[in-house]
Amino acid sequence: MEPADGAAPAGSPDEITFANLPEWYDLFCSCRRCGRENRIDRRALARRFGAKRPILSLARYLHCTDCGNKGGNVIKIGRIGR
């Protein structure tokens, strides 16, 4: 499941894990209540939940540090700019 020529990881979004996410991608959390967006430490999450864990399945564990919202938060996967 390796991307070709810098493309996004292959497969459905639910199949993207820390193990198959290329190094040039970063993770961000977006709060549905206040709109805050923050970078997530992907290496810390991989150590805590395991490299084979689907990344998007972790959204239910996230909470906003600004407004305290625990529901409906979204994980976004984005390519790192040069």
PDB file of N, CA and C in Angstrom:
ATOM      1  N   MET A   1       0.811  -1.176   0.000  1.00  0.00           N
ATOM      2  CA  MET A   1       0.000   0.000   0.000  1.00  0.00           C
ATOM      3  C   MET A   1       0.864   1.253   0.000  1.00  0.00           C
ATOM      4  N   GLU A   2       1.943   1.252  -0.702  1.00  0.00           N
ATOM      5  CA  GLU A   2       2.835   2.416  -0.774  1.00  0.00           C
ATOM      6  C   GLU A   2       2.351   3.375  -1.854  1.00  0.00           C
ATOM      7  N   PRO A   3       2.380   4.676  -1.590  1.00  0.00           N
ATOM      8  CA  PRO A   3       1.964   5.644  -2.598  1.00  0.00           C
ATOM      9  C   PRO A   3       2.987   5.742  -3.717  1.00  0.00           C
ATOM     10  N   ALA A   4       2.504   6.051  -4.891  1.00  0.00           N
ATOM     11  CA  ALA A   4       3.388   6.211  -6.044  1.00  0.00           C
ATOM     12  C   ALA A   4       3.571   7.688  -6.339  1.00  0.00           C
ATOM     13  N   ASP A   5       4.790   8.119  -6.540  1.00  0.00           N
ATOM     14  CA  ASP A   5       5.111   9.490  -6.944  1.00  0.00           C
ATOM     15  C   ASP A   5       4.506  10.549  -6.032  1.00  0.00           C
ATOM     16  N   GLY A   6       4.543  10.326  -4.716  1.00  0.00           N
ATOM     17  CA  GLY A   6       4.078  11.326  -3.773  1.00  0.00           C
ATOM     18  C   GLY A   6       2.570  11.402  -3.624  1.00  0.00           C
ATOM     19  N   ALA A   7       1.851  10.432  -4.167  1.00  0.00           N
ATOM     20  CA  ALA A   7       0.398  10.435  -4.051  1.00  0.00           C
ATOM     21  C   ALA A   7      -0.016  10.119  -2.623  1.00  0.00           C
ATOM     22  N   ALA A   8      -1.270  10.350  -2.342  1.00  0.00           N
ATOM     23  CA  ALA A   8      -1.814  10.017  -1.025  1.00  0.00           C
ATOM     24  C   ALA A   8      -1.780   8.502  -0.852  1.00  0.00           C
ATOM     25  N   PRO A   9      -1.794   8.023   0.380  1.00  0.00           N
ATOM     26  CA  PRO A   9      -1.796   6.588   0.625  1.00  0.00           C
ATOM     27  C   PRO A   9      -2.955   5.911  -0.089  1.00  0.00           C
ATOM     28  N   ALA A  10      -2.701   4.729  -0.615  1.00  0.00           N
ATOM     29  CA  ALA A  10      -3.719   3.987  -1.358  1.00  0.00           C
ATOM     30  C   ALA A  10      -4.761   3.406  -0.417  1.00  0.00           C
ATOM     31  N   GLY A  11      -5.899   3.081  -0.964  1.00  0.00           N
ATOM     32  CA  GLY A  11      -6.958   2.476  -0.177  1.00  0.00           C
ATOM     33  C   GLY A  11      -7.918   3.520   0.356  1.00  0.00           C
ATOM     34  N   SER A  12      -8.913   3.037   1.068  1.00  0.00           N
ATOM     35  CA  SER A  12      -9.898   3.957   1.632  1.00  0.00           C
ATOM     36  C   SER A  12      -9.290   4.688   2.827  1.00  0.00           C
ATOM     37  N   PRO A  13      -9.842   5.843   3.190  1.00  0.00           N
ATOM     38  CA  PRO A  13      -9.311   6.576   4.347  1.00  0.00           C
ATOM     39  C   PRO A  13      -9.310   5.744   5.627  1.00  0.00           C
ATOM     40  N   ASP A  14     -10.263   4.828   5.758  1.00  0.00           N
ATOM     41  CA  ASP A  14     -10.330   3.986   6.955  1.00  0.00           C
ATOM     42  C   ASP A  14      -9.196   2.973   7.035  1.00  0.00           C
ATOM     43  N   GLU A  15      -8.457   2.773   5.952  1.00  0.00           N
ATOM     44  CA  GLU A  15      -7.351   1.811   5.920  1.00  0.00           C
ATOM     45  C   GLU A  15      -5.998   2.452   6.175  1.00  0.00           C
ATOM     46  N   ILE A  16      -5.941   3.770   6.315  1.00  0.00           N
ATOM     47  CA  ILE A  16      -4.668   4.458   6.525  1.00  0.00           C
ATOM     48  C   ILE A  16      -4.235   4.260   7.971  1.00  0.00           C
ATOM     49  N   THR A  17      -3.048   3.686   8.139  1.00  0.00           N
ATOM     50  CA  THR A  17      -2.489   3.443   9.466  1.00  0.00           C
ATOM     51  C   THR A  17      -1.192   4.223   9.607  1.00  0.00           C
ATOM     52  N   PHE A  18      -0.647   4.243  10.805  1.00  0.00           N
ATOM     53  CA  PHE A  18       0.650   4.889  11.002  1.00  0.00           C
ATOM     54  C   PHE A  18       1.733   4.160  10.216  1.00  0.00           C
ATOM     55  N   ALA A  19       1.576   2.853  10.056  1.00  0.00           N
ATOM     56  CA  ALA A  19       2.578   2.049   9.351  1.00  0.00           C
ATOM     57  C   ALA A  19       2.624   2.356   7.859  1.00  0.00           C
ATOM     58  N   ASN A  20       1.486   2.704   7.249  1.00  0.00           N
ATOM     59  CA  ASN A  20       1.505   2.940   5.800  1.00  0.00           C
ATOM     60  C   ASN A  20       1.376   4.422   5.429  1.00  0.00           C
ATOM     61  N   LEU A  21       1.403   5.304   6.418  1.00  0.00           N
ATOM     62  CA  LEU A  21       1.368   6.739   6.138  1.00  0.00           C
ATOM     63  C   LEU A  21       2.789   7.233   5.878  1.00  0.00           C
ATOM     64  N   PRO A  22       3.045   7.770   4.678  1.00  0.00           N
ATOM     65  CA  PRO A  22       4.398   8.244   4.358  1.00  0.00           C
ATOM     66  C   PRO A  22       4.860   9.340   5.304  1.00  0.00           C
ATOM     67  N   GLU A  23       6.155   9.467   5.461  1.00  0.00           N
ATOM     68  CA  GLU A  23       6.757  10.451   6.368  1.00  0.00           C
ATOM     69  C   GLU A  23       6.422  11.883   5.982  1.00  0.00           C
ATOM     70  N   TRP A  24       6.103  12.141   4.727  1.00  0.00           N
ATOM     71  CA  TRP A  24       5.846  13.511   4.292  1.00  0.00           C
ATOM     72  C   TRP A  24       4.385  13.927   4.498  1.00  0.00           C
ATOM     73  N   TYR A  25       3.666  13.192   5.325  1.00  0.00           N
ATOM     74  CA  TYR A  25       2.301  13.552   5.711  1.00  0.00           C
ATOM     75  C   TYR A  25       2.252  13.845   7.195  1.00  0.00           C
ATOM     76  N   ASP A  26       1.429  14.821   7.571  1.00  0.00           N
ATOM     77  CA  ASP A  26       1.233  15.198   8.964  1.00  0.00           C
ATOM     78  C   ASP A  26      -0.232  15.017   9.327  1.00  0.00           C
ATOM     79  N   LEU A  27      -0.502  14.953  10.623  1.00  0.00           N
ATOM     80  CA  LEU A  27      -1.864  14.805  11.110  1.00  0.00           C
ATOM     81  C   LEU A  27      -2.285  16.074  11.834  1.00  0.00           C
ATOM     82  N   PHE A  28      -3.538  16.443  11.662  1.00  0.00           N
ATOM     83  CA  PHE A  28      -4.106  17.608  12.310  1.00  0.00           C
ATOM     84  C   PHE A  28      -5.464  17.236  12.879  1.00  0.00           C
ATOM     85  N   CYS A  29      -5.826  17.862  13.978  1.00  0.00           N
ATOM     86  CA  CYS A  29      -7.142  17.682  14.570  1.00  0.00           C
ATOM     87  C   CYS A  29      -7.900  18.986  14.398  1.00  0.00           C
ATOM     88  N   SER A  30      -9.158  18.877  14.026  1.00  0.00           N
ATOM     89  CA  SER A  30     -10.007  20.040  13.856  1.00  0.00           C
ATOM     90  C   SER A  30     -11.224  19.904  14.767  1.00  0.00           C
ATOM     91  N   CYS A  31     -11.491  20.954  15.549  1.00  0.00           N
ATOM     92  CA  CYS A  31     -12.629  20.966  16.461  1.00  0.00           C
ATOM     93  C   CYS A  31     -13.862  21.447  15.710  1.00  0.00           C
ATOM     94  N   ARG A  32     -14.933  20.679  15.798  1.00  0.00           N
ATOM     95  CA  ARG A  32     -16.171  21.061  15.116  1.00  0.00           C
ATOM     96  C   ARG A  32     -16.901  22.191  15.835  1.00  0.00           C
ATOM     97  N   ARG A  33     -16.632  22.373  17.122  1.00  0.00           N
ATOM     98  CA  ARG A  33     -17.344  23.413  17.876  1.00  0.00           C
ATOM     99  C   ARG A  33     -16.715  24.789  17.670  1.00  0.00           C
ATOM    100  N   CYS A  34     -15.410  24.920  17.928  1.00  0.00           N
ATOM    101  CA  CYS A  34     -14.774  26.253  17.874  1.00  0.00           C
ATOM    102  C   CYS A  34     -13.901  26.475  16.636  1.00  0.00           C
ATOM    103  N   GLY A  35     -13.641  25.407  15.869  1.00  0.00           N
ATOM    104  CA  GLY A  35     -12.867  25.556  14.645  1.00  0.00           C
ATOM    105  C   GLY A  35     -11.356  25.514  14.822  1.00  0.00           C
ATOM    106  N   ARG A  36     -10.890  25.327  16.042  1.00  0.00           N
ATOM    107  CA  ARG A  36      -9.445  25.261  16.278  1.00  0.00           C
ATOM    108  C   ARG A  36      -8.851  24.060  15.540  1.00  0.00           C
ATOM    109  N   GLU A  37      -7.691  24.274  14.960  1.00  0.00           N
ATOM    110  CA  GLU A  37      -6.973  23.192  14.284  1.00  0.00           C
ATOM    111  C   GLU A  37      -5.567  23.138  14.854  1.00  0.00           C
ATOM    112  N   ASN A  38      -5.105  21.920  15.144  1.00  0.00           N
ATOM    113  CA  ASN A  38      -3.803  21.753  15.777  1.00  0.00           C
ATOM    114  C   ASN A  38      -3.112  20.522  15.205  1.00  0.00           C
ATOM    115  N   ARG A  39      -1.812  20.589  15.104  1.00  0.00           N
ATOM    116  CA  ARG A  39      -1.005  19.456  14.637  1.00  0.00           C
ATOM    117  C   ARG A  39      -0.977  18.384  15.717  1.00  0.00           C
ATOM    118  N   ILE A  40      -1.007  17.119  15.295  1.00  0.00           N
ATOM    119  CA  ILE A  40      -0.971  15.977  16.205  1.00  0.00           C
ATOM    120  C   ILE A  40       0.377  15.276  16.054  1.00  0.00           C
ATOM    121  N   ASP A  41       0.964  14.852  17.148  1.00  0.00           N
ATOM    122  CA  ASP A  41       2.226  14.119  17.130  1.00  0.00           C
ATOM    123  C   ASP A  41       1.963  12.670  16.712  1.00  0.00           C
ATOM    124  N   ARG A  42       2.192  12.367  15.458  1.00  0.00           N
ATOM    125  CA  ARG A  42       1.882  11.044  14.921  1.00  0.00           C
ATOM    126  C   ARG A  42       2.734   9.945  15.541  1.00  0.00           C
ATOM    127  N   ARG A  43       3.964  10.254  15.912  1.00  0.00           N
ATOM    128  CA  ARG A  43       4.835   9.224  16.502  1.00  0.00           C
ATOM    129  C   ARG A  43       4.373   8.831  17.906  1.00  0.00           C
ATOM    130  N   ALA A  44       3.932   9.822  18.672  1.00  0.00           N
ATOM    131  CA  ALA A  44       3.411   9.534  20.011  1.00  0.00           C
ATOM    132  C   ALA A  44       2.138   8.695  19.932  1.00  0.00           C
ATOM    133  N   LEU A  45       1.264   9.022  18.978  1.00  0.00           N
ATOM    134  CA  LEU A  45       0.041   8.236  18.822  1.00  0.00           C
ATOM    135  C   LEU A  45       0.343   6.817  18.354  1.00  0.00           C
ATOM    136  N   ALA A  46       1.326   6.658  17.474  1.00  0.00           N
ATOM    137  CA  ALA A  46       1.693   5.321  16.999  1.00  0.00           C
ATOM    138  C   ALA A  46       2.244   4.485  18.145  1.00  0.00           C
ATOM    139  N   ARG A  47       3.022   5.089  19.029  1.00  0.00           N
ATOM    140  CA  ARG A  47       3.538   4.353  20.184  1.00  0.00           C
ATOM    141  C   ARG A  47       2.404   3.956  21.131  1.00  0.00           C
ATOM    142  N   ARG A  48       1.462   4.856  21.325  1.00  0.00           N
ATOM    143  CA  ARG A  48       0.374   4.606  22.275  1.00  0.00           C
ATOM    144  C   ARG A  48      -0.650   3.597  21.753  1.00  0.00           C
ATOM    145  N   PHE A  49      -1.034   3.711  20.475  1.00  0.00           N
ATOM    146  CA  PHE A  49      -2.112   2.891  19.935  1.00  0.00           C
ATOM    147  C   PHE A  49      -1.651   1.780  18.996  1.00  0.00           C
ATOM    148  N   GLY A  50      -0.387   1.813  18.573  1.00  0.00           N
ATOM    149  CA  GLY A  50       0.136   0.794  17.673  1.00  0.00           C
ATOM    150  C   GLY A  50       0.170   1.263  16.229  1.00  0.00           C
ATOM    151  N   ALA A  51       1.193   0.836  15.511  1.00  0.00           N
ATOM    152  CA  ALA A  51       1.416   1.285  14.131  1.00  0.00           C
ATOM    153  C   ALA A  51       0.357   0.783  13.165  1.00  0.00           C
ATOM    154  N   LYS A  52      -0.328  -0.311  13.485  1.00  0.00           N
ATOM    155  CA  LYS A  52      -1.323  -0.893  12.583  1.00  0.00           C
ATOM    156  C   LYS A  52      -2.735  -0.360  12.816  1.00  0.00           C
ATOM    157  N   ARG A  53      -2.899   0.532  13.777  1.00  0.00           N
ATOM    158  CA  ARG A  53      -4.217   1.085  14.107  1.00  0.00           C
ATOM    159  C   ARG A  53      -4.654   2.073  13.025  1.00  0.00           C
ATOM    160  N   PRO A  54      -5.875   1.969  12.504  1.00  0.00           N
ATOM    161  CA  PRO A  54      -6.366   2.962  11.543  1.00  0.00           C
ATOM    162  C   PRO A  54      -6.391   4.344  12.195  1.00  0.00           C
ATOM    163  N   ILE A  55      -5.781   5.305  11.554  1.00  0.00           N
ATOM    164  CA  ILE A  55      -5.619   6.638  12.126  1.00  0.00           C
ATOM    165  C   ILE A  55      -6.964   7.315  12.390  1.00  0.00           C
ATOM    166  N   LEU A  56      -7.888   7.227  11.450  1.00  0.00           N
ATOM    167  CA  LEU A  56      -9.154   7.933  11.605  1.00  0.00           C
ATOM    168  C   LEU A  56     -10.014   7.360  12.729  1.00  0.00           C
ATOM    169  N   SER A  57      -9.712   6.151  13.179  1.00  0.00           N
ATOM    170  CA  SER A  57     -10.465   5.566  14.293  1.00  0.00           C
ATOM    171  C   SER A  57     -10.138   6.233  15.622  1.00  0.00           C
ATOM    172  N   LEU A  58      -9.090   7.026  15.656  1.00  0.00           N
ATOM    173  CA  LEU A  58      -8.673   7.690  16.899  1.00  0.00           C
ATOM    174  C   LEU A  58      -9.402   9.008  17.154  1.00  0.00           C
ATOM    175  N   ALA A  59     -10.185   9.485  16.204  1.00  0.00           N
ATOM    176  CA  ALA A  59     -10.866  10.782  16.349  1.00  0.00           C
ATOM    177  C   ALA A  59     -11.755  10.821  17.581  1.00  0.00           C
ATOM    178  N   ARG A  60     -12.347   9.701  17.949  1.00  0.00           N
ATOM    179  CA  ARG A  60     -13.262   9.687  19.103  1.00  0.00           C
ATOM    180  C   ARG A  60     -12.536   9.917  20.428  1.00  0.00           C
ATOM    181  N   TYR A  61     -11.208   9.782  20.453  1.00  0.00           N
ATOM    182  CA  TYR A  61     -10.427   9.993  21.678  1.00  0.00           C
ATOM    183  C   TYR A  61      -9.943  11.430  21.833  1.00  0.00           C
ATOM    184  N   LEU A  62     -10.128  12.249  20.819  1.00  0.00           N
ATOM    185  CA  LEU A  62      -9.588  13.605  20.830  1.00  0.00           C
ATOM    186  C   LEU A  62     -10.521  14.578  21.534  1.00  0.00           C
ATOM    187  N   HIS A  63      -9.916  15.571  22.167  1.00  0.00           N
ATOM    188  CA  HIS A  63     -10.692  16.656  22.742  1.00  0.00           C
ATOM    189  C   HIS A  63      -9.970  17.972  22.464  1.00  0.00           C
ATOM    190  N   CYS A  64     -10.732  19.029  22.354  1.00  0.00           N
ATOM    191  CA  CYS A  64     -10.178  20.350  22.068  1.00  0.00           C
ATOM    192  C   CYS A  64      -9.625  20.962  23.346  1.00  0.00           C
ATOM    193  N   THR A  65      -8.412  21.455  23.289  1.00  0.00           N
ATOM    194  CA  THR A  65      -7.800  22.068  24.467  1.00  0.00           C
ATOM    195  C   THR A  65      -8.280  23.508  24.680  1.00  0.00           C
ATOM    196  N   ASP A  66      -8.963  24.094  23.688  1.00  0.00           N
ATOM    197  CA  ASP A  66      -9.505  25.448  23.853  1.00  0.00           C
ATOM    198  C   ASP A  66     -10.900  25.431  24.477  1.00  0.00           C
ATOM    199  N   CYS A  67     -11.828  24.704  23.853  1.00  0.00           N
ATOM    200  CA  CYS A  67     -13.216  24.747  24.318  1.00  0.00           C
ATOM    201  C   CYS A  67     -13.648  23.490  25.070  1.00  0.00           C
ATOM    202  N   GLY A  68     -12.811  22.444  25.065  1.00  0.00           N
ATOM    203  CA  GLY A  68     -13.124  21.214  25.790  1.00  0.00           C
ATOM    204  C   GLY A  68     -14.023  20.245  25.053  1.00  0.00           C
ATOM    205  N   ASN A  69     -14.398  20.550  23.814  1.00  0.00           N
ATOM    206  CA  ASN A  69     -15.271  19.686  23.034  1.00  0.00           C
ATOM    207  C   ASN A  69     -14.667  18.290  22.872  1.00  0.00           C
ATOM    208  N   LYS A  70     -15.482  17.263  23.109  1.00  0.00           N
ATOM    209  CA  LYS A  70     -15.025  15.878  22.962  1.00  0.00           C
ATOM    210  C   LYS A  70     -15.763  15.149  21.855  1.00  0.00           C
ATOM    211  N   GLY A  71     -16.735  15.760  21.234  1.00  0.00           N
ATOM    212  CA  GLY A  71     -17.533  15.077  20.223  1.00  0.00           C
ATOM    213  C   GLY A  71     -17.405  15.679  18.843  1.00  0.00           C
ATOM    214  N   GLY A  72     -17.342  14.837  17.844  1.00  0.00           N
ATOM    215  CA  GLY A  72     -17.341  15.289  16.467  1.00  0.00           C
ATOM    216  C   GLY A  72     -16.037  15.865  15.967  1.00  0.00           C
ATOM    217  N   ASN A  73     -14.955  15.710  16.711  1.00  0.00           N
ATOM    218  CA  ASN A  73     -13.668  16.213  16.249  1.00  0.00           C
ATOM    219  C   ASN A  73     -13.175  15.367  15.085  1.00  0.00           C
ATOM    220  N   VAL A  74     -12.397  15.982  14.212  1.00  0.00           N
ATOM    221  CA  VAL A  74     -11.987  15.358  12.958  1.00  0.00           C
ATOM    222  C   VAL A  74     -10.471  15.305  12.860  1.00  0.00           C
ATOM    223  N   ILE A  75      -9.957  14.184  12.374  1.00  0.00           N
ATOM    224  CA  ILE A  75      -8.527  14.075  12.065  1.00  0.00           C
ATOM    225  C   ILE A  75      -8.363  14.326  10.575  1.00  0.00           C
ATOM    226  N   LYS A  76      -7.425  15.222  10.253  1.00  0.00           N
ATOM    227  CA  LYS A  76      -7.119  15.528   8.855  1.00  0.00           C
ATOM    228  C   LYS A  76      -5.700  15.058   8.567  1.00  0.00           C
ATOM    229  N   ILE A  77      -5.507  14.514   7.392  1.00  0.00           N
ATOM    230  CA  ILE A  77      -4.189  14.058   6.953  1.00  0.00           C
ATOM    231  C   ILE A  77      -3.752  14.969   5.824  1.00  0.00           C
ATOM    232  N   GLY A  78      -2.600  15.627   5.998  1.00  0.00           N
ATOM    233  CA  GLY A  78      -2.130  16.566   5.000  1.00  0.00           C
ATOM    234  C   GLY A  78      -0.664  16.396   4.685  1.00  0.00           C
ATOM    235  N   ARG A  79      -0.325  16.739   3.481  1.00  0.00           N
ATOM    236  CA  ARG A  79       1.057  16.650   3.027  1.00  0.00           C
ATOM    237  C   ARG A  79       1.845  17.839   3.558  1.00  0.00           C
ATOM    238  N   ILE A  80       3.041  17.601   4.035  1.00  0.00           N
ATOM    239  CA  ILE A  80       3.912  18.645   4.555  1.00  0.00           C
ATOM    240  C   ILE A  80       4.414  19.499   3.398  1.00  0.00           C
ATOM    241  N   GLY A  81       4.337  20.803   3.568  1.00  0.00           N
ATOM    242  CA  GLY A  81       4.845  21.719   2.549  1.00  0.00           C
ATOM    243  C   GLY A  81       6.356  21.757   2.524  1.00  0.00           C
ATOM    244  N   ARG A  82       6.888  22.130   1.412  1.00  0.00           N
ATOM    245  CA  ARG A  82       8.352  22.216   1.288  1.00  0.00           C
ATOM    246  C   ARG A  82       8.843  23.566   1.681  1.00  0.00           C
TER     247      ARG A  82
END
